[in-house]
PDB file of all heavy atoms in Angstrom:
ATOM      1  N   ARG A   1       3.251   4.211 -17.067  1.00  0.00           N
ATOM      2  CA  ARG A   1       3.643   4.925 -18.300  1.00  0.00           C
ATOM      3  C   ARG A   1       4.758   5.904 -17.980  1.00  0.00           C
ATOM      4  O   ARG A   1       5.690   6.095 -18.870  1.00  0.00           O
ATOM      5  CB  ARG A   1       2.451   5.498 -18.960  1.00  0.00           C
ATOM      6  CG  ARG A   1       1.424   4.491 -19.439  1.00  0.00           C
ATOM      7  CD  ARG A   1       1.919   3.814 -20.706  1.00  0.00           C
ATOM      8  NE  ARG A   1       1.956   4.691 -21.755  1.00  0.00           N
ATOM      9  CZ  ARG A   1       0.938   5.044 -22.576  1.00  0.00           C
ATOM     10  NH1 ARG A   1      -0.286   4.488 -22.357  1.00  0.00           N
ATOM     11  NH2 ARG A   1       1.088   5.887 -23.530  1.00  0.00           N
ATOM     12  N   LEU A   2       4.641   6.659 -16.976  1.00  0.00           N
ATOM     13  CA  LEU A   2       5.575   7.781 -16.744  1.00  0.00           C
ATOM     14  C   LEU A   2       6.629   7.527 -15.727  1.00  0.00           C
ATOM     15  O   LEU A   2       7.595   8.359 -15.660  1.00  0.00           O
ATOM     16  CB  LEU A   2       4.712   9.037 -16.314  1.00  0.00           C
ATOM     17  CG  LEU A   2       3.747   9.546 -17.368  1.00  0.00           C
ATOM     18  CD1 LEU A   2       3.173  10.940 -16.967  1.00  0.00           C
ATOM     19  CD2 LEU A   2       4.357   9.686 -18.713  1.00  0.00           C
ATOM     20  N   LEU A   3       6.473   6.518 -14.815  1.00  0.00           N
ATOM     21  CA  LEU A   3       7.482   6.257 -13.790  1.00  0.00           C
ATOM     22  C   LEU A   3       8.087   4.894 -13.938  1.00  0.00           C
ATOM     23  O   LEU A   3       8.785   4.439 -13.144  1.00  0.00           O
ATOM     24  CB  LEU A   3       6.883   6.426 -12.449  1.00  0.00           C
ATOM     25  CG  LEU A   3       6.467   7.814 -11.987  1.00  0.00           C
ATOM     26  CD1 LEU A   3       5.742   7.703 -10.654  1.00  0.00           C
ATOM     27  CD2 LEU A   3       7.584   8.737 -11.943  1.00  0.00           C
ATOM     28  N   SER A   4       7.706   4.149 -15.065  1.00  0.00           N
ATOM     29  CA  SER A   4       8.094   2.761 -15.213  1.00  0.00           C
ATOM     30  C   SER A   4       7.875   1.925 -13.983  1.00  0.00           C
ATOM     31  O   SER A   4       8.690   1.084 -13.594  1.00  0.00           O
ATOM     32  CB  SER A   4       9.623   2.735 -15.572  1.00  0.00           C
ATOM     33  OG  SER A   4       9.906   3.411 -16.762  1.00  0.00           O
ATOM     34  N   THR A   5       6.727   2.140 -13.422  1.00  0.00           N
ATOM     35  CA  THR A   5       6.325   1.410 -12.140  1.00  0.00           C
ATOM     36  C   THR A   5       4.951   0.817 -12.373  1.00  0.00           C
ATOM     37  O   THR A   5       3.946   1.245 -11.886  1.00  0.00           O
ATOM     38  CB  THR A   5       6.288   2.466 -11.006  1.00  0.00           C
ATOM     39  OG1 THR A   5       7.436   3.181 -10.888  1.00  0.00           O
ATOM     40  CG2 THR A   5       5.959   1.774  -9.649  1.00  0.00           C
ATOM     41  N   PRO A   6       4.889  -0.360 -13.054  1.00  0.00           N
ATOM     42  CA  PRO A   6       3.729  -1.115 -13.168  1.00  0.00           C
ATOM     43  C   PRO A   6       3.315  -1.909 -12.060  1.00  0.00           C
ATOM     44  O   PRO A   6       2.090  -2.227 -11.945  1.00  0.00           O
ATOM     45  CB  PRO A   6       3.992  -1.912 -14.460  1.00  0.00           C
ATOM     46  CG  PRO A   6       5.464  -2.257 -14.315  1.00  0.00           C
ATOM     47  CD  PRO A   6       6.047  -0.980 -13.773  1.00  0.00           C
ATOM     48  N   TRP A   7       4.196  -2.282 -11.182  1.00  0.00           N
ATOM     49  CA  TRP A   7       3.910  -3.261 -10.151  1.00  0.00           C
ATOM     50  C   TRP A   7       3.427  -2.537  -8.933  1.00  0.00           C
ATOM     51  O   TRP A   7       4.168  -1.993  -8.115  1.00  0.00           O
ATOM     52  CB  TRP A   7       5.242  -4.034  -9.761  1.00  0.00           C
ATOM     53  CG  TRP A   7       5.924  -4.646 -10.965  1.00  0.00           C
ATOM     54  CD1 TRP A   7       7.005  -4.065 -11.562  1.00  0.00           C
ATOM     55  CD2 TRP A   7       5.476  -5.823 -11.631  1.00  0.00           C
ATOM     56  NE1 TRP A   7       7.390  -4.926 -12.580  1.00  0.00           N
ATOM     57  CE2 TRP A   7       6.493  -5.970 -12.653  1.00  0.00           C
ATOM     58  CE3 TRP A   7       4.565  -6.790 -11.406  1.00  0.00           C
ATOM     59  CZ2 TRP A   7       6.505  -7.082 -13.509  1.00  0.00           C
ATOM     60  CZ3 TRP A   7       4.501  -7.868 -12.344  1.00  0.00           C
ATOM     61  CH2 TRP A   7       5.472  -8.001 -13.351  1.00  0.00           C
ATOM     62  N   LEU A   8       2.053  -2.501  -8.717  1.00  0.00           N
ATOM     63  CA  LEU A   8       1.490  -1.826  -7.602  1.00  0.00           C
ATOM     64  C   LEU A   8       0.703  -2.805  -6.774  1.00  0.00           C
ATOM     65  O   LEU A   8      -0.121  -3.591  -7.228  1.00  0.00           O
ATOM     66  CB  LEU A   8       0.546  -0.691  -8.098  1.00  0.00           C
ATOM     67  CG  LEU A   8       1.151   0.476  -8.848  1.00  0.00           C
ATOM     68  CD1 LEU A   8       0.101   1.518  -9.122  1.00  0.00           C
ATOM     69  CD2 LEU A   8       2.285   1.062  -8.081  1.00  0.00           C
ATOM     70  N   LEU A   9       0.862  -2.698  -5.408  1.00  0.00           N
ATOM     71  CA  LEU A   9       0.122  -3.534  -4.449  1.00  0.00           C
ATOM     72  C   LEU A   9      -0.621  -2.593  -3.472  1.00  0.00           C
ATOM     73  O   LEU A   9      -0.015  -1.576  -3.081  1.00  0.00           O
ATOM     74  CB  LEU A   9       1.071  -4.416  -3.653  1.00  0.00           C
ATOM     75  CG  LEU A   9       1.715  -5.593  -4.400  1.00  0.00           C
ATOM     76  CD1 LEU A   9       2.765  -6.222  -3.513  1.00  0.00           C
ATOM     77  CD2 LEU A   9       0.712  -6.571  -4.871  1.00  0.00           C
ATOM     78  N   HIS A  10      -1.834  -2.958  -3.172  1.00  0.00           N
ATOM     79  CA  HIS A  10      -2.570  -2.107  -2.111  1.00  0.00           C
ATOM     80  C   HIS A  10      -1.999  -2.469  -0.709  1.00  0.00           C
ATOM     81  O   HIS A  10      -1.588  -3.573  -0.522  1.00  0.00           O
ATOM     82  CB  HIS A  10      -4.088  -2.589  -2.231  1.00  0.00           C
ATOM     83  CG  HIS A  10      -4.997  -1.608  -1.608  1.00  0.00           C
ATOM     84  ND1 HIS A  10      -5.175  -1.592  -0.221  1.00  0.00           N
ATOM     85  CD2 HIS A  10      -5.743  -0.558  -2.124  1.00  0.00           C
ATOM     86  CE1 HIS A  10      -5.991  -0.587   0.057  1.00  0.00           C
ATOM     87  NE2 HIS A  10      -6.365   0.025  -1.016  1.00  0.00           N
ATOM     88  N   LEU A  11      -1.996  -1.490   0.056  1.00  0.00           N
ATOM     89  CA  LEU A  11      -1.489  -1.682   1.422  1.00  0.00           C
ATOM     90  C   LEU A  11      -2.193  -2.789   2.245  1.00  0.00           C
ATOM     91  O   LEU A  11      -1.687  -3.349   3.104  1.00  0.00           O
ATOM     92  CB  LEU A  11      -1.470  -0.357   2.177  1.00  0.00           C
ATOM     93  CG  LEU A  11      -0.234  -0.128   3.128  1.00  0.00           C
ATOM     94  CD1 LEU A  11       1.050  -0.027   2.329  1.00  0.00           C
ATOM     95  CD2 LEU A  11      -0.394   1.086   3.981  1.00  0.00           C
ATOM     96  N   ASP A  12      -3.545  -3.051   1.866  1.00  0.00           N
ATOM     97  CA  ASP A  12      -4.181  -4.068   2.566  1.00  0.00           C
ATOM     98  C   ASP A  12      -3.595  -5.490   2.385  1.00  0.00           C
ATOM     99  O   ASP A  12      -3.835  -6.405   3.131  1.00  0.00           O
ATOM    100  CB  ASP A  12      -5.673  -4.157   2.045  1.00  0.00           C
ATOM    101  CG  ASP A  12      -6.527  -3.074   2.665  1.00  0.00           C
ATOM    102  OD1 ASP A  12      -6.077  -2.347   3.575  1.00  0.00           O
ATOM    103  OD2 ASP A  12      -7.688  -2.927   2.198  1.00  0.00           O
ATOM    104  N   VAL A  13      -2.747  -5.626   1.357  1.00  0.00           N
ATOM    105  CA  VAL A  13      -2.021  -6.892   1.129  1.00  0.00           C
ATOM    106  C   VAL A  13      -1.175  -7.189   2.399  1.00  0.00           C
ATOM    107  O   VAL A  13      -0.910  -8.400   2.716  1.00  0.00           O
ATOM    108  CB  VAL A  13      -1.084  -6.817  -0.097  1.00  0.00           C
ATOM    109  CG1 VAL A  13      -0.199  -8.060  -0.166  1.00  0.00           C
ATOM    110  CG2 VAL A  13      -1.968  -6.680  -1.371  1.00  0.00           C
ATOM    111  N   PHE A  14      -0.700  -6.173   3.092  1.00  0.00           N
ATOM    112  CA  PHE A  14       0.210  -6.356   4.237  1.00  0.00           C
ATOM    113  C   PHE A  14      -0.539  -6.228   5.549  1.00  0.00           C
ATOM    114  O   PHE A  14       0.038  -5.853   6.587  1.00  0.00           O
ATOM    115  CB  PHE A  14       1.304  -5.263   4.056  1.00  0.00           C
ATOM    116  CG  PHE A  14       1.919  -5.189   2.750  1.00  0.00           C
ATOM    117  CD1 PHE A  14       1.570  -4.258   1.833  1.00  0.00           C
ATOM    118  CD2 PHE A  14       2.820  -6.201   2.403  1.00  0.00           C
ATOM    119  CE1 PHE A  14       2.100  -4.231   0.583  1.00  0.00           C
ATOM    120  CE2 PHE A  14       3.407  -6.221   1.117  1.00  0.00           C
ATOM    121  CZ  PHE A  14       3.057  -5.220   0.183  1.00  0.00           C
ATOM    122  N   ARG A  15      -1.770  -6.612   5.571  1.00  0.00           N
ATOM    123  CA  ARG A  15      -2.612  -6.513   6.794  1.00  0.00           C
ATOM    124  C   ARG A  15      -1.969  -7.218   7.981  1.00  0.00           C
ATOM    125  O   ARG A  15      -2.179  -6.759   9.118  1.00  0.00           O
ATOM    126  CB  ARG A  15      -4.076  -6.998   6.460  1.00  0.00           C
ATOM    127  CG  ARG A  15      -4.086  -8.524   6.096  1.00  0.00           C
ATOM    128  CD  ARG A  15      -5.566  -8.893   5.809  1.00  0.00           C
ATOM    129  NE  ARG A  15      -6.164  -8.248   4.680  1.00  0.00           N
ATOM    130  CZ  ARG A  15      -7.367  -7.608   4.746  1.00  0.00           C
ATOM    131  NH1 ARG A  15      -8.009  -7.617   5.845  1.00  0.00           N
ATOM    132  NH2 ARG A  15      -7.842  -7.044   3.640  1.00  0.00           N
ATOM    133  N   ASN A  16      -1.302  -8.362   7.721  1.00  0.00           N
ATOM    134  CA  ASN A  16      -0.684  -9.085   8.812  1.00  0.00           C
ATOM    135  C   ASN A  16       0.464  -8.388   9.473  1.00  0.00           C
ATOM    136  O   ASN A  16       0.885  -8.678  10.583  1.00  0.00           O
ATOM    137  CB  ASN A  16      -0.211 -10.450   8.348  1.00  0.00           C
ATOM    138  CG  ASN A  16      -1.412 -11.370   7.968  1.00  0.00           C
ATOM    139  OD1 ASN A  16      -2.529 -11.225   8.533  1.00  0.00           O
ATOM    140  ND2 ASN A  16      -1.172 -12.345   7.035  1.00  0.00           N
ATOM    141  N   GLN A  17       1.030  -7.356   8.797  1.00  0.00           N
ATOM    142  CA  GLN A  17       2.132  -6.599   9.217  1.00  0.00           C
ATOM    143  C   GLN A  17       1.738  -5.346   9.887  1.00  0.00           C
ATOM    144  O   GLN A  17       2.525  -4.687  10.580  1.00  0.00           O
ATOM    145  CB  GLN A  17       3.112  -6.306   8.123  1.00  0.00           C
ATOM    146  CG  GLN A  17       3.769  -7.506   7.411  1.00  0.00           C
ATOM    147  CD  GLN A  17       4.635  -7.088   6.298  1.00  0.00           C
ATOM    148  OE1 GLN A  17       5.404  -6.134   6.379  1.00  0.00           O
ATOM    149  NE2 GLN A  17       4.597  -7.810   5.180  1.00  0.00           N
ATOM    150  N   LEU A  18       0.460  -4.891   9.722  1.00  0.00           N
ATOM    151  CA  LEU A  18       0.043  -3.625  10.234  1.00  0.00           C
ATOM    152  C   LEU A  18      -0.941  -3.815  11.401  1.00  0.00           C
ATOM    153  O   LEU A  18      -1.621  -4.774  11.498  1.00  0.00           O
ATOM    154  CB  LEU A  18      -0.734  -2.810   9.104  1.00  0.00           C
ATOM    155  CG  LEU A  18      -0.027  -2.672   7.785  1.00  0.00           C
ATOM    156  CD1 LEU A  18      -0.952  -2.050   6.786  1.00  0.00           C
ATOM    157  CD2 LEU A  18       1.263  -1.919   7.983  1.00  0.00           C
ATOM    158  N   ASN A  19      -0.796  -2.856  12.346  1.00  0.00           N
ATOM    159  CA  ASN A  19      -1.609  -3.005  13.523  1.00  0.00           C
ATOM    160  C   ASN A  19      -3.104  -2.508  13.055  1.00  0.00           C
ATOM    161  O   ASN A  19      -3.257  -1.882  12.075  1.00  0.00           O
ATOM    162  CB  ASN A  19      -1.174  -2.099  14.676  1.00  0.00           C
ATOM    163  CG  ASN A  19      -1.053  -0.693  14.340  1.00  0.00           C
ATOM    164  OD1 ASN A  19      -1.990  -0.046  13.833  1.00  0.00           O
ATOM    165  ND2 ASN A  19      -0.004  -0.011  14.749  1.00  0.00           N
ATOM    166  N   PRO A  20      -4.126  -2.877  13.884  1.00  0.00           N
ATOM    167  CA  PRO A  20      -5.421  -2.504  13.504  1.00  0.00           C
ATOM    168  C   PRO A  20      -5.715  -1.002  13.270  1.00  0.00           C
ATOM    169  O   PRO A  20      -6.451  -0.675  12.406  1.00  0.00           O
ATOM    170  CB  PRO A  20      -6.311  -3.050  14.682  1.00  0.00           C
ATOM    171  CG  PRO A  20      -5.434  -4.129  15.218  1.00  0.00           C
ATOM    172  CD  PRO A  20      -4.010  -3.681  15.141  1.00  0.00           C
ATOM    173  N   THR A  21      -4.992  -0.143  14.049  1.00  0.00           N
ATOM    174  CA  THR A  21      -5.211   1.263  13.860  1.00  0.00           C
ATOM    175  C   THR A  21      -4.672   1.709  12.467  1.00  0.00           C
ATOM    176  O   THR A  21      -5.337   2.472  11.790  1.00  0.00           O
ATOM    177  CB  THR A  21      -4.479   2.035  14.923  1.00  0.00           C
ATOM    178  OG1 THR A  21      -4.958   1.601  16.245  1.00  0.00           O
ATOM    179  CG2 THR A  21      -4.640   3.502  14.822  1.00  0.00           C
ATOM    180  N   THR A  22      -3.569   1.186  12.093  1.00  0.00           N
ATOM    181  CA  THR A  22      -3.003   1.549  10.778  1.00  0.00           C
ATOM    182  C   THR A  22      -3.846   0.956   9.709  1.00  0.00           C
ATOM    183  O   THR A  22      -4.177   1.711   8.686  1.00  0.00           O
ATOM    184  CB  THR A  22      -1.566   0.948  10.631  1.00  0.00           C
ATOM    185  OG1 THR A  22      -0.755   1.422  11.662  1.00  0.00           O
ATOM    186  CG2 THR A  22      -0.996   1.248   9.270  1.00  0.00           C
ATOM    187  N   LEU A  23      -4.360  -0.248   9.837  1.00  0.00           N
ATOM    188  CA  LEU A  23      -5.136  -0.865   8.720  1.00  0.00           C
ATOM    189  C   LEU A  23      -6.515  -0.195   8.613  1.00  0.00           C
ATOM    190  O   LEU A  23      -6.979   0.040   7.492  1.00  0.00           O
ATOM    191  CB  LEU A  23      -5.308  -2.318   9.055  1.00  0.00           C
ATOM    192  CG  LEU A  23      -5.982  -3.158   7.938  1.00  0.00           C
ATOM    193  CD1 LEU A  23      -5.135  -3.187   6.695  1.00  0.00           C
ATOM    194  CD2 LEU A  23      -6.211  -4.614   8.473  1.00  0.00           C
ATOM    195  N   GLY A  24      -7.122   0.188   9.743  1.00  0.00           N
ATOM    196  CA  GLY A  24      -8.374   0.647   9.661  1.00  0.00           C
ATOM    197  C   GLY A  24      -8.478   2.230   9.487  1.00  0.00           C
ATOM    198  O   GLY A  24      -9.494   2.841   9.114  1.00  0.00           O
ATOM    199  N   GLY A  25      -7.391   2.905   9.745  1.00  0.00           N
ATOM    200  CA  GLY A  25      -7.371   4.331   9.643  1.00  0.00           C
ATOM    201  C   GLY A  25      -7.246   4.809   8.202  1.00  0.00           C
ATOM    202  O   GLY A  25      -6.914   4.055   7.257  1.00  0.00           O
ATOM    203  N   ARG A  26      -7.602   6.116   8.059  1.00  0.00           N
ATOM    204  CA  ARG A  26      -7.577   6.727   6.682  1.00  0.00           C
ATOM    205  C   ARG A  26      -6.228   7.412   6.438  1.00  0.00           C
ATOM    206  O   ARG A  26      -6.002   7.839   5.305  1.00  0.00           O
ATOM    207  CB  ARG A  26      -8.775   7.699   6.567  1.00  0.00           C
ATOM    208  CG  ARG A  26     -10.141   6.969   6.711  1.00  0.00           C
ATOM    209  CD  ARG A  26     -11.263   7.982   6.659  1.00  0.00           C
ATOM    210  NE  ARG A  26     -11.266   8.651   5.300  1.00  0.00           N
ATOM    211  CZ  ARG A  26     -11.813   8.113   4.199  1.00  0.00           C
ATOM    212  NH1 ARG A  26     -12.390   6.958   4.229  1.00  0.00           N
ATOM    213  NH2 ARG A  26     -11.826   8.750   3.062  1.00  0.00           N
ATOM    214  N   SER A  27      -5.471   7.614   7.443  1.00  0.00           N
ATOM    215  CA  SER A  27      -4.210   8.397   7.226  1.00  0.00           C
ATOM    216  C   SER A  27      -3.057   7.468   6.884  1.00  0.00           C
ATOM    217  O   SER A  27      -2.139   7.256   7.657  1.00  0.00           O
ATOM    218  CB  SER A  27      -3.923   9.234   8.512  1.00  0.00           C
ATOM    219  OG  SER A  27      -2.754  10.042   8.347  1.00  0.00           O
ATOM    220  N   ARG A  28      -3.164   6.901   5.697  1.00  0.00           N
ATOM    221  CA  ARG A  28      -2.104   5.974   5.186  1.00  0.00           C
ATOM    222  C   ARG A  28      -2.252   6.002   3.701  1.00  0.00           C
ATOM    223  O   ARG A  28      -3.325   6.206   3.118  1.00  0.00           O
ATOM    224  CB  ARG A  28      -2.294   4.597   5.764  1.00  0.00           C
ATOM    225  CG  ARG A  28      -3.572   3.919   5.415  1.00  0.00           C
ATOM    226  CD  ARG A  28      -3.654   2.541   6.048  1.00  0.00           C
ATOM    227  NE  ARG A  28      -4.966   1.930   5.839  1.00  0.00           N
ATOM    228  CZ  ARG A  28      -5.210   1.148   4.747  1.00  0.00           C
ATOM    229  NH1 ARG A  28      -4.279   0.868   3.851  1.00  0.00           N
ATOM    230  NH2 ARG A  28      -6.388   0.544   4.586  1.00  0.00           N
ATOM    231  N   PRO A  29      -1.176   5.686   2.955  1.00  0.00           N
ATOM    232  CA  PRO A  29      -1.206   5.615   1.566  1.00  0.00           C
ATOM    233  C   PRO A  29      -2.001   4.434   1.106  1.00  0.00           C
ATOM    234  O   PRO A  29      -2.293   3.484   1.849  1.00  0.00           O
ATOM    235  CB  PRO A  29       0.255   5.545   1.070  1.00  0.00           C
ATOM    236  CG  PRO A  29       0.958   4.973   2.264  1.00  0.00           C
ATOM    237  CD  PRO A  29       0.232   5.484   3.489  1.00  0.00           C
ATOM    238  N   ASP A  30      -2.479   4.378  -0.134  1.00  0.00           N
ATOM    239  CA  ASP A  30      -3.246   3.324  -0.665  1.00  0.00           C
ATOM    240  C   ASP A  30      -2.322   2.227  -1.313  1.00  0.00           C
ATOM    241  O   ASP A  30      -2.561   0.992  -1.129  1.00  0.00           O
ATOM    242  CB  ASP A  30      -4.254   3.763  -1.756  1.00  0.00           C
ATOM    243  CG  ASP A  30      -5.306   4.718  -1.092  1.00  0.00           C
ATOM    244  OD1 ASP A  30      -5.978   4.229  -0.202  1.00  0.00           O
ATOM    245  OD2 ASP A  30      -5.379   5.822  -1.499  1.00  0.00           O
ATOM    246  N   LEU A  31      -1.324   2.592  -2.088  1.00  0.00           N
ATOM    247  CA  LEU A  31      -0.614   1.697  -2.927  1.00  0.00           C
ATOM    248  C   LEU A  31       0.874   1.891  -2.776  1.00  0.00           C
ATOM    249  O   LEU A  31       1.409   2.937  -2.417  1.00  0.00           O
ATOM    250  CB  LEU A  31      -0.933   1.990  -4.432  1.00  0.00           C
ATOM    251  CG  LEU A  31      -2.396   1.873  -4.833  1.00  0.00           C
ATOM    252  CD1 LEU A  31      -2.554   2.355  -6.233  1.00  0.00           C
ATOM    253  CD2 LEU A  31      -2.919   0.474  -4.635  1.00  0.00           C
ATOM    254  N   VAL A  32       1.598   0.794  -2.983  1.00  0.00           N
ATOM    255  CA  VAL A  32       3.055   0.774  -2.981  1.00  0.00           C
ATOM    256  C   VAL A  32       3.470   0.199  -4.292  1.00  0.00           C
ATOM    257  O   VAL A  32       2.900  -0.859  -4.746  1.00  0.00           O
ATOM    258  CB  VAL A  32       3.691   0.096  -1.805  1.00  0.00           C
ATOM    259  CG1 VAL A  32       3.211  -1.365  -1.697  1.00  0.00           C
ATOM    260  CG2 VAL A  32       5.194   0.164  -1.801  1.00  0.00           C
ATOM    261  N   GLY A  33       4.483   0.770  -4.959  1.00  0.00           N
ATOM    262  CA  GLY A  33       4.828   0.233  -6.297  1.00  0.00           C
ATOM    263  C   GLY A  33       6.383   0.168  -6.452  1.00  0.00           C
ATOM    264  O   GLY A  33       7.094   0.886  -5.790  1.00  0.00           O
ATOM    265  N   GLN A  34       6.735  -0.771  -7.292  1.00  0.00           N
ATOM    266  CA  GLN A  34       8.185  -0.999  -7.508  1.00  0.00           C
ATOM    267  C   GLN A  34       8.524  -0.711  -9.006  1.00  0.00           C
ATOM    268  O   GLN A  34       7.773  -1.221  -9.908  1.00  0.00           O
ATOM    269  CB  GLN A  34       8.676  -2.384  -7.230  1.00  0.00           C
ATOM    270  CG  GLN A  34      10.074  -2.641  -7.254  1.00  0.00           C
ATOM    271  CD  GLN A  34      10.529  -3.987  -6.737  1.00  0.00           C
ATOM    272  OE1 GLN A  34       9.818  -4.990  -6.964  1.00  0.00           O
ATOM    273  NE2 GLN A  34      11.677  -4.147  -6.122  1.00  0.00           N
ATOM    274  N   ASN A  35       9.519   0.074  -9.261  1.00  0.00           N
ATOM    275  CA  ASN A  35       9.815   0.372 -10.714  1.00  0.00           C
ATOM    276  C   ASN A  35      10.760  -0.666 -11.273  1.00  0.00           C
ATOM    277  O   ASN A  35      11.211  -1.618 -10.616  1.00  0.00           O
ATOM    278  CB  ASN A  35      10.339   1.803 -10.817  1.00  0.00           C
ATOM    279  CG  ASN A  35      11.711   2.004 -10.295  1.00  0.00           C
ATOM    280  OD1 ASN A  35      12.351   1.009  -9.887  1.00  0.00           O
ATOM    281  ND2 ASN A  35      12.080   3.220 -10.124  1.00  0.00           N
TER     282      ASN A  35
END
């Protein structure tokens, strides 16, 4: 509504691109969106 960014994907979608530490850790964002 406020950023014209309806398209959001969870970072887990990209599990094949992320190493296990990144995927399992808590110090990472949850979502990525395109406006």
